[in-house]
Protein backbone atom coordinates (compact mmCIF):
# COMPACT_ATOMS: atom_id res chain seq x y z
CA MET A 1 8.10 151.68 -25.22
CA PRO A 2 11.65 151.31 -24.43
CA THR A 3 14.16 153.60 -26.83
CA LYS A 4 15.73 152.38 -29.86
CA ARG A 5 19.34 150.47 -29.03
CA THR A 6 22.74 152.10 -30.29
CA ARG A 7 26.21 151.90 -29.62
CA PRO A 8 27.91 154.58 -27.72
CA PRO A 9 30.41 156.46 -29.20
CA SER A 10 33.77 154.96 -27.77
CA SER A 11 34.01 158.13 -25.23
CA SER A 12 30.76 157.44 -22.98
CA ILE A 13 33.12 154.05 -21.76
CA SER A 14 34.32 155.77 -18.42
CA LYS A 15 38.04 155.81 -17.25
CA ARG A 16 38.50 153.22 -20.85
CA ARG A 17 42.36 152.58 -21.26
CA LYS A 18 43.91 150.31 -23.69
CA ILE A 19 46.64 147.93 -22.43
CA ASP A 20 48.21 144.88 -25.02
CA GLY A 21 47.70 142.42 -21.48
CA PRO A 22 45.87 143.21 -17.83
CA SER A 23 47.72 143.60 -15.30
CA ILE A 24 46.36 140.19 -13.12
CA LYS A 25 47.60 137.85 -12.17
CA ALA A 26 45.66 134.74 -10.97
CA PRO A 27 46.12 132.10 -8.31
CA ALA A 28 43.88 133.06 -5.05
CA VAL A 29 40.01 133.00 -5.46
CA LEU A 30 38.01 131.13 -2.76
CA ALA A 31 37.83 132.25 0.47
CA SER A 32 39.25 128.69 2.08
CA LYS A 33 41.78 128.70 4.74
CA GLY A 34 44.54 130.35 3.98
CA ASN A 35 44.33 131.35 0.53
CA THR A 36 42.29 134.55 0.46
CA PRO A 37 42.16 137.33 -2.30
CA THR A 38 44.86 139.90 -2.02
CA ARG A 39 42.16 142.52 -4.53
CA PRO A 40 38.87 142.66 -5.03
CA PRO A 41 37.26 140.49 -8.31
CA CYS A 42 37.10 142.63 -11.36
CA LEU A 43 33.85 141.72 -14.12
CA MET A 44 35.95 140.96 -17.66
CA LEU A 45 33.94 140.82 -20.65
CA LEU A 46 35.45 137.86 -22.78
CA PRO A 47 35.84 138.29 -27.24
CA GLY A 48 32.46 137.64 -28.52
CA ASP A 49 28.97 139.06 -30.07
CA ARG A 50 28.00 142.88 -28.77
CA GLU A 51 25.69 144.48 -30.11
CA GLY A 52 26.52 146.87 -33.22
CA GLN A 53 29.52 145.43 -33.90
CA GLU A 54 30.35 141.88 -36.15
CA GLN A 55 31.95 139.25 -33.63
CA SER A 56 34.72 141.14 -31.37
CA ALA A 57 38.76 140.31 -30.63
CA THR A 58 38.99 142.41 -28.18
CA GLY A 59 38.07 141.58 -24.53
CA CYS A 60 38.31 144.03 -21.51
CA VAL A 61 38.48 143.98 -17.51
CA LEU A 62 36.66 145.99 -15.44
CA ASN A 63 38.23 147.12 -12.39
CA LEU A 64 35.55 147.18 -9.54
CA LYS A 65 37.64 149.50 -6.97
CA ASP A 66 37.95 152.96 -9.69
CA ASN A 67 35.59 152.05 -12.22
CA ALA A 68 38.78 152.01 -14.89
CA VAL A 69 37.68 149.59 -18.46
CA HIS A 70 41.43 147.64 -19.55
CA ASP A 71 40.99 146.83 -23.06
CA LEU A 72 42.17 143.05 -23.26
CA THR A 73 43.70 143.77 -27.33
CA ASN A 74 45.05 140.72 -27.99
CA MET A 75 42.86 137.89 -26.06
CA GLY A 76 40.59 136.77 -29.15
CA SER A 77 44.31 135.82 -31.25
CA VAL A 78 45.63 133.61 -27.72
CA ILE A 79 41.92 132.02 -27.34
CA GLY A 80 41.12 131.55 -31.77
CA GLY A 81 38.20 130.26 -33.01
CA ASP A 82 34.45 131.60 -33.44
CA TYR A 83 34.04 131.93 -30.00
CA SER A 84 30.97 130.03 -29.87
CA TRP A 85 32.37 129.05 -26.25
CA VAL A 86 30.75 130.56 -23.05
CA CYS A 87 32.52 130.67 -19.94
CA VAL A 88 31.06 128.01 -17.51
CA GLY A 89 33.53 128.97 -13.67
CA SER A 90 35.55 131.09 -12.67
CA SER A 91 37.72 129.59 -9.77
CA HIS A 92 41.51 130.40 -8.73
CA GLY A 93 41.98 133.16 -10.88
CA TRP A 94 41.39 130.55 -13.98
CA LEU A 95 39.01 131.24 -17.03
CA MET A 96 37.06 127.31 -17.59
CA LEU A 97 35.77 127.74 -20.83
CA PHE A 98 33.22 125.16 -22.11
CA TYR A 99 31.93 124.90 -26.49
CA GLY A 100 30.23 122.02 -27.40
CA ASP A 101 26.90 120.82 -28.14
CA LYS A 102 24.27 118.29 -26.15
CA ALA A 103 25.82 115.00 -27.32
CA GLU A 104 29.64 115.91 -25.98
CA GLY A 105 30.86 119.61 -25.19
CA HIS A 106 35.22 120.39 -24.16
CA MET A 107 36.12 122.33 -21.63
CA PHE A 108 39.66 123.95 -21.16
CA LEU A 109 41.87 126.33 -18.33
CA LEU A 110 42.38 129.97 -19.29
CA ASN A 111 44.83 132.24 -17.22
CA PRO A 112 44.47 135.32 -18.96
CA SER A 113 47.39 137.22 -16.31
CA PHE A 114 49.02 135.19 -19.10
CA LEU A 115 47.63 137.04 -22.08
CA THR A 116 50.75 139.22 -23.62
CA PRO A 117 51.32 140.08 -26.84
CA ASN A 118 54.42 137.28 -27.68
CA LEU A 119 52.95 134.38 -25.50
CA SER A 120 50.46 132.15 -25.93
CA PRO A 121 48.55 131.31 -22.42
CA PRO A 122 49.13 127.75 -21.16
CA LEU A 123 46.38 126.24 -22.28
CA PHE A 124 44.80 122.96 -20.24
CA CYS A 125 42.34 121.12 -21.95
CA PHE A 126 40.03 118.17 -20.12
CA PRO A 127 38.76 115.61 -22.12
CA SER A 128 35.44 115.75 -23.20
CA ILE A 129 32.03 115.44 -21.14
CA SER A 130 29.32 113.95 -22.63
CA GLY A 131 26.43 116.99 -22.03
CA THR A 132 26.20 120.35 -21.71
CA ALA A 133 28.49 121.91 -18.71
CA ILE A 134 26.69 125.07 -17.40
CA LYS A 135 28.89 125.52 -13.69
CA ALA A 136 32.20 124.54 -13.38
CA ILE A 137 35.26 124.94 -10.58
CA LEU A 138 38.29 123.99 -9.92
CA LEU A 139 38.98 121.95 -5.89
CA SER A 140 43.19 123.83 -5.65
CA ASP A 141 44.83 126.39 -8.59
CA PRO A 142 46.06 124.42 -10.98
CA SER A 143 49.59 126.57 -10.95
CA THR A 144 50.62 125.47 -7.73
CA ASP A 145 49.09 122.20 -7.27
CA GLU A 146 49.79 119.51 -9.83
CA GLU A 147 46.85 117.15 -8.71
CA PHE A 148 43.78 119.37 -8.90
CA GLY A 149 40.52 118.57 -9.35
CA ALA A 150 38.16 120.20 -10.88
CA VAL A 151 33.63 119.78 -10.28
CA ALA A 152 31.26 120.40 -12.89
CA ILE A 153 27.62 120.33 -13.03
CA TYR A 154 26.37 119.57 -17.04
CA LYS A 155 22.56 119.12 -18.57
CA HIS A 156 22.83 115.41 -20.21
CA ASN A 157 21.41 114.98 -22.59
CA THR A 158 19.08 111.49 -21.74
CA GLY A 159 16.30 111.35 -25.41
CA LEU A 160 13.93 110.23 -22.68
CA GLY A 161 12.72 114.25 -22.75
CA HIS A 162 14.18 115.55 -19.71
CA PRO A 163 16.36 118.94 -21.25
CA ASN A 164 16.94 119.76 -17.00
CA HIS A 165 18.27 116.61 -16.44
CA THR A 166 21.48 117.29 -14.55
CA LYS A 167 24.58 116.03 -13.11
CA ILE A 168 27.92 116.14 -11.17
CA ALA A 169 30.65 114.99 -12.60
CA PHE A 170 34.49 114.72 -11.35
CA TYR A 171 37.71 114.92 -12.39
CA LYS A 172 41.39 114.61 -11.20
CA HIS A 173 44.23 116.15 -12.81
CA GLY A 174 45.49 112.86 -14.73
CA ASP A 175 42.43 110.99 -15.32
CA ASP A 176 41.01 110.25 -18.79
CA GLN A 177 37.66 110.76 -18.46
CA TRP A 178 35.19 112.68 -15.89
CA SER A 179 33.61 110.73 -13.38
CA ASP A 180 29.80 111.45 -12.51
CA LEU A 181 29.02 111.41 -8.86
CA GLY A 182 25.63 112.25 -8.64
CA VAL A 183 22.21 112.99 -10.45
CA ALA A 184 19.49 114.82 -8.33
CA LYS A 185 16.49 112.53 -9.44
CA GLY A 186 13.46 115.20 -10.26
CA LEU A 187 15.65 118.01 -9.21
CA ILE A 188 18.01 120.33 -10.78
CA TYR A 189 21.88 121.13 -10.29
CA CYS A 190 21.87 124.86 -9.28
CA ASP A 191 25.31 125.19 -7.70
CA ILE A 192 28.36 124.20 -5.92
CA MET A 193 31.24 124.77 -4.33
CA CYS A 194 34.59 123.72 -2.37
CA HIS A 195 35.11 123.94 1.56
CA ASN A 196 37.40 122.12 3.96
CA ASN A 197 38.59 119.06 1.39
CA HIS A 198 34.32 119.28 1.02
CA LEU A 199 32.08 119.58 -2.12
CA TYR A 200 28.53 120.83 -1.54
CA ALA A 201 25.73 120.48 -3.91
CA LEU A 202 22.57 123.28 -4.00
CA THR A 203 19.81 121.44 -5.91
CA ASP A 204 16.41 123.41 -6.68
CA CYS A 205 14.88 122.74 -4.00
CA GLY A 206 17.60 124.67 -1.51
CA SER A 207 19.08 120.37 -0.51
CA ILE A 208 22.61 120.24 -0.48
CA GLU A 209 24.81 116.92 -1.47
CA VAL A 210 27.46 116.31 0.19
CA TRP A 211 31.07 114.97 -0.99
CA ASP A 212 34.37 114.48 0.70
CA LEU A 213 37.39 114.85 -0.66
CA HIS A 214 39.97 113.98 1.74
CA GLY A 215 42.90 111.28 0.94
CA SER A 216 40.50 109.39 -2.09
CA ASP A 217 41.17 109.43 -5.16
CA GLN A 218 37.08 109.71 -6.02
CA PRO A 219 34.74 112.12 -3.68
CA GLU A 220 32.54 110.10 -0.90
CA LYS A 221 29.21 111.30 -0.48
CA ILE A 222 28.81 111.90 3.22
CA ARG A 223 25.54 113.59 3.68
CA ASP A 224 22.27 114.85 2.66
CA ILE A 225 21.33 118.05 3.84
CA LYS A 226 17.83 118.07 3.26
CA PRO A 227 16.30 121.86 5.64
CA SER A 228 13.55 123.15 5.05
CA THR A 229 12.20 125.45 3.10
CA ALA A 230 11.85 129.34 4.23
CA ASP A 231 7.97 130.54 3.28
CA LYS A 232 9.64 133.35 1.67
CA MET A 233 10.97 131.21 -1.12
CA ILE A 234 7.70 129.64 -1.93
CA HIS A 235 5.71 132.19 -1.74
CA THR A 236 7.61 134.79 -3.62
CA TYR A 237 8.10 132.65 -6.10
CA GLN A 238 4.82 130.33 -6.93
CA THR A 239 2.90 133.20 -6.49
CA ARG A 240 4.01 134.95 -9.84
CA LYS A 241 5.95 132.22 -12.21
CA ASP A 242 4.51 134.22 -15.29
CA LEU A 243 6.83 136.90 -14.07
CA TYR A 244 9.60 135.44 -12.25
CA SER A 245 12.08 133.20 -12.59
CA ASN A 246 14.71 132.69 -9.41
CA GLN A 247 17.74 130.47 -9.25
CA LEU A 248 19.84 129.50 -6.81
CA TYR A 249 23.63 129.86 -5.61
CA LEU A 250 25.60 128.57 -2.63
CA VAL A 251 28.25 130.78 -1.11
CA GLU A 252 30.81 130.15 2.11
CA SER A 253 30.58 132.96 4.00
CA SER A 254 33.22 132.56 7.45
CA GLY A 255 32.41 129.37 8.24
CA GLU A 256 28.36 129.69 7.22
CA ILE A 257 26.50 128.29 4.48
CA LEU A 258 24.47 130.98 2.53
CA LEU A 259 21.96 130.37 0.49
CA VAL A 260 21.40 133.51 -2.87
CA GLU A 261 17.68 133.80 -4.79
CA ARG A 262 18.13 135.21 -7.66
CA TYR A 263 14.54 136.75 -8.49
CA ARG A 264 14.60 137.59 -12.35
CA GLY A 265 11.74 138.73 -14.77
CA TYR A 266 11.31 137.46 -17.94
CA TYR A 267 10.69 141.10 -19.70
CA VAL A 268 11.75 144.14 -17.23
CA ASP A 269 10.05 148.15 -18.86
CA PRO A 270 11.62 150.63 -18.67
CA GLU A 271 10.04 151.41 -14.65
CA GLY A 272 10.97 148.38 -13.10
CA ARG A 273 8.62 146.29 -13.33
CA ALA A 274 8.29 142.68 -14.67
CA VAL A 275 5.67 141.89 -16.99
CA THR A 276 3.59 139.48 -18.82
CA GLU A 277 4.50 138.40 -23.15
CA TRP A 278 1.06 139.63 -23.97
CA ASP A 279 2.14 143.11 -22.79
CA LEU A 280 4.88 143.51 -25.36
CA LEU A 281 2.43 143.52 -27.84
CA PRO A 282 0.70 147.45 -27.52
CA GLU A 283 -2.71 147.41 -29.28
CA ASP A 284 -2.15 151.29 -31.00
CA ASP A 285 1.40 149.64 -32.24
CA THR A 286 1.60 145.85 -34.57
CA GLN A 287 5.92 146.56 -32.67
CA PRO A 288 6.76 144.52 -30.10
CA SER A 289 8.11 145.99 -27.15
CA VAL A 290 11.46 145.53 -26.71
CA TYR A 291 11.84 144.21 -22.56
CA PRO A 292 15.00 142.60 -21.44
CA TYR A 293 14.78 140.46 -18.79
CA ARG A 294 16.78 141.69 -15.31
CA THR A 295 17.62 140.65 -12.49
CA LEU A 296 14.78 142.69 -9.70
CA PHE A 297 15.74 141.39 -6.16
CA PHE A 298 17.96 138.99 -3.88
CA HIS A 299 17.03 137.17 -0.66
CA VAL A 300 19.64 135.13 1.34
CA TYR A 301 19.26 132.42 4.19
CA LYS A 302 21.96 130.94 6.23
CA LEU A 303 21.94 127.34 7.29
CA ASP A 304 21.41 126.61 11.06
CA SER A 305 23.67 125.31 13.53
CA ASP A 306 21.43 122.00 13.32
CA GLY A 307 20.80 122.00 9.86
CA GLU A 308 17.10 121.88 9.79
CA ARG A 309 16.27 125.21 7.94
CA TRP A 310 17.77 128.08 5.95
CA VAL A 311 17.16 130.95 7.93
CA GLU A 312 16.60 134.56 6.27
CA VAL A 313 19.21 136.84 6.34
CA HIS A 314 18.73 140.78 6.22
CA ASP A 315 22.24 142.15 7.02
CA LEU A 316 25.49 140.80 5.64
CA LYS A 317 27.75 143.40 8.41
CA HIS A 318 30.84 143.23 6.57
CA LYS A 319 30.44 141.43 3.36
CA ALA A 320 29.41 141.56 0.22
CA LEU A 321 28.58 138.61 -2.38
CA PHE A 322 29.69 137.93 -5.61
CA VAL A 323 27.20 135.32 -8.57
CA GLY A 324 26.94 134.48 -10.81
CA GLY A 325 28.98 132.34 -13.97
CA SER A 326 31.68 132.03 -11.24
CA HIS A 327 32.59 130.52 -8.55
CA SER A 328 30.03 132.56 -5.29
CA MET A 329 32.04 134.25 -3.25
CA SER A 330 32.01 135.80 0.17
CA LEU A 331 34.31 138.38 0.17
CA SER A 332 35.15 141.48 3.16
CA THR A 333 34.41 144.66 2.24
CA LYS A 334 36.94 146.00 5.71
CA ASN A 335 39.54 144.68 3.03
CA PHE A 336 38.27 145.71 0.36
CA PRO A 337 36.91 149.64 0.22
CA GLY A 338 35.87 150.15 -3.32
CA CYS A 339 33.74 147.53 -2.92
CA LYS A 340 30.11 148.05 -1.47
CA THR A 341 29.32 146.11 2.55
CA ASN A 342 25.87 144.38 2.82
CA ALA A 343 25.37 144.23 -0.51
CA ILE A 344 24.69 141.30 -3.54
CA TYR A 345 27.11 141.85 -7.38
CA PHE A 346 25.89 140.04 -9.63
CA SER A 347 26.35 139.13 -13.50
CA ASP A 348 24.41 137.41 -16.11
CA ASP A 349 23.89 133.46 -15.91
CA ASN A 350 20.65 133.37 -17.82
CA TRP A 351 21.33 130.58 -20.21
CA ASP A 352 18.35 130.22 -20.93
CA GLN A 353 16.64 133.44 -21.99
CA MET A 354 20.57 134.34 -23.50
CA ASP A 355 20.14 134.57 -26.48
CA GLU A 356 16.30 134.27 -27.30
CA ASP A 357 16.90 138.52 -29.10
CA PHE A 358 19.45 139.89 -31.02
CA LEU A 359 19.20 143.40 -29.38
CA TYR A 360 20.50 142.03 -26.36
CA GLY A 361 21.63 139.17 -23.54
CA GLY A 362 24.81 139.55 -20.75
CA HIS A 363 23.34 142.28 -20.11
CA ASP A 364 21.83 141.51 -16.72
CA PHE A 365 24.60 142.52 -14.04
CA GLY A 366 24.79 145.09 -11.79
CA VAL A 367 25.02 145.15 -7.69
CA PHE A 368 21.44 144.73 -5.03
CA ASP A 369 21.93 146.54 -1.77
CA LEU A 370 20.17 144.03 0.95
CA LYS A 371 19.74 146.67 3.05
CA LYS A 372 17.90 149.18 0.94
CA ARG A 373 16.49 145.76 -1.31
CA THR A 374 17.31 148.95 -4.37
CA LYS A 375 19.77 147.73 -7.28
CA LYS A 376 21.72 150.12 -9.68
CA PRO A 377 23.87 148.96 -12.45
CA LEU A 378 27.81 149.05 -13.11
CA ASP A 379 29.19 151.63 -15.07
CA GLY A 380 31.70 150.52 -17.75
CA PHE A 381 30.75 148.49 -20.56
CA LYS A 382 28.29 149.65 -22.04
CA TYR A 383 26.37 147.32 -24.55
CA ASP A 384 23.02 146.08 -23.98
CA ARG A 385 24.18 142.33 -25.64
CA MET A 386 27.31 140.88 -24.59
CA VAL A 387 27.99 136.90 -25.09
CA PRO A 388 29.92 135.04 -24.14
CA PRO A 389 28.40 137.38 -20.57
CA PRO A 390 30.59 138.61 -18.27
CA VAL A 391 32.62 136.77 -15.52
CA TRP A 392 34.09 137.79 -12.61
CA VAL A 393 37.28 137.05 -12.14
CA VAL A 394 39.67 137.65 -8.68
CA PRO A 395 42.98 138.75 -9.79
CA THR A 396 46.41 138.93 -7.43
CA ASN A 397 49.20 141.41 -7.55
CA THR A 398 52.06 141.61 -9.99
CA ARG A 399 54.78 139.45 -9.74
């Protein structure tokens, strides 16, 4: 039986300091030419539902370099509302927040660097979108580019019994609506990224659609990449679909395209073993066990030079990958000594199970060592339930 969850005393949260505004100054995120981060990502916890508390209006930032947690005391008052929104993306230092229902949703930008006690942040509201956004990225930094664009993956309610029907939508600053780019017929869009003026959209079968973003108001699809799927990708998931779910991410790393495959156990016991739902009901106890979903392991693949197959990668060398609800990214650990090399830092973006139990959700974040095949939690946030979940944000030097 798992131990009963209780909220830890505030003293157990390591190195916590109370400040009125974060020291993060947006812009700069993607590993694109001439625009590389100068500081490592931090994990930002937004106001919302936390275990043992009523709705919290305070946000927090976990700094990976020194493991310090900084409170953002005025974040909730700036954003307002009942915290029914979620963060569906983080690009160039900006948060992309979404709220709505299956029929219509609304998205807006928040730059956390402007969260100071007496200054409201510049909020940019996008036109409404006809569905539920699950991932969004900025194509450039709105604070330096007046013609910035954005791309979103969203679930479209067809009314035909296809709850996972997904579309890609494009927005350019000044447009009065989002424009649909593509529909993954029979497939699901998993992740999107921008590199060298091209948009890459990953589907759940490992194929990639490539869109040209250069010199046109409307992106143009120029290529479908359909590499053969690695045998391990098929075997691992198909043999134990009752225990695991998998999720795919797309990352550009030093000019290479990487596919990151994440495996979660639907229910994971205290020893780290994935179990079935029936295992939650012990014969001698009428009270079901509480075994939250958890990430168990990752596999990483790179696209070969011909774009014909995914080749497994066992060593990221001096790189660290960051995946979750933010823009997936690769950073050199030579530039950021506080980050572990050959590691995958992950945050919780398991929207399907996030609200299945009031005792957990948003808790599934940590770091996975690709060589040792081990994972460990990140210290700092000690709650079992944090909804909306923490998200990776890349700060820049204070100006």
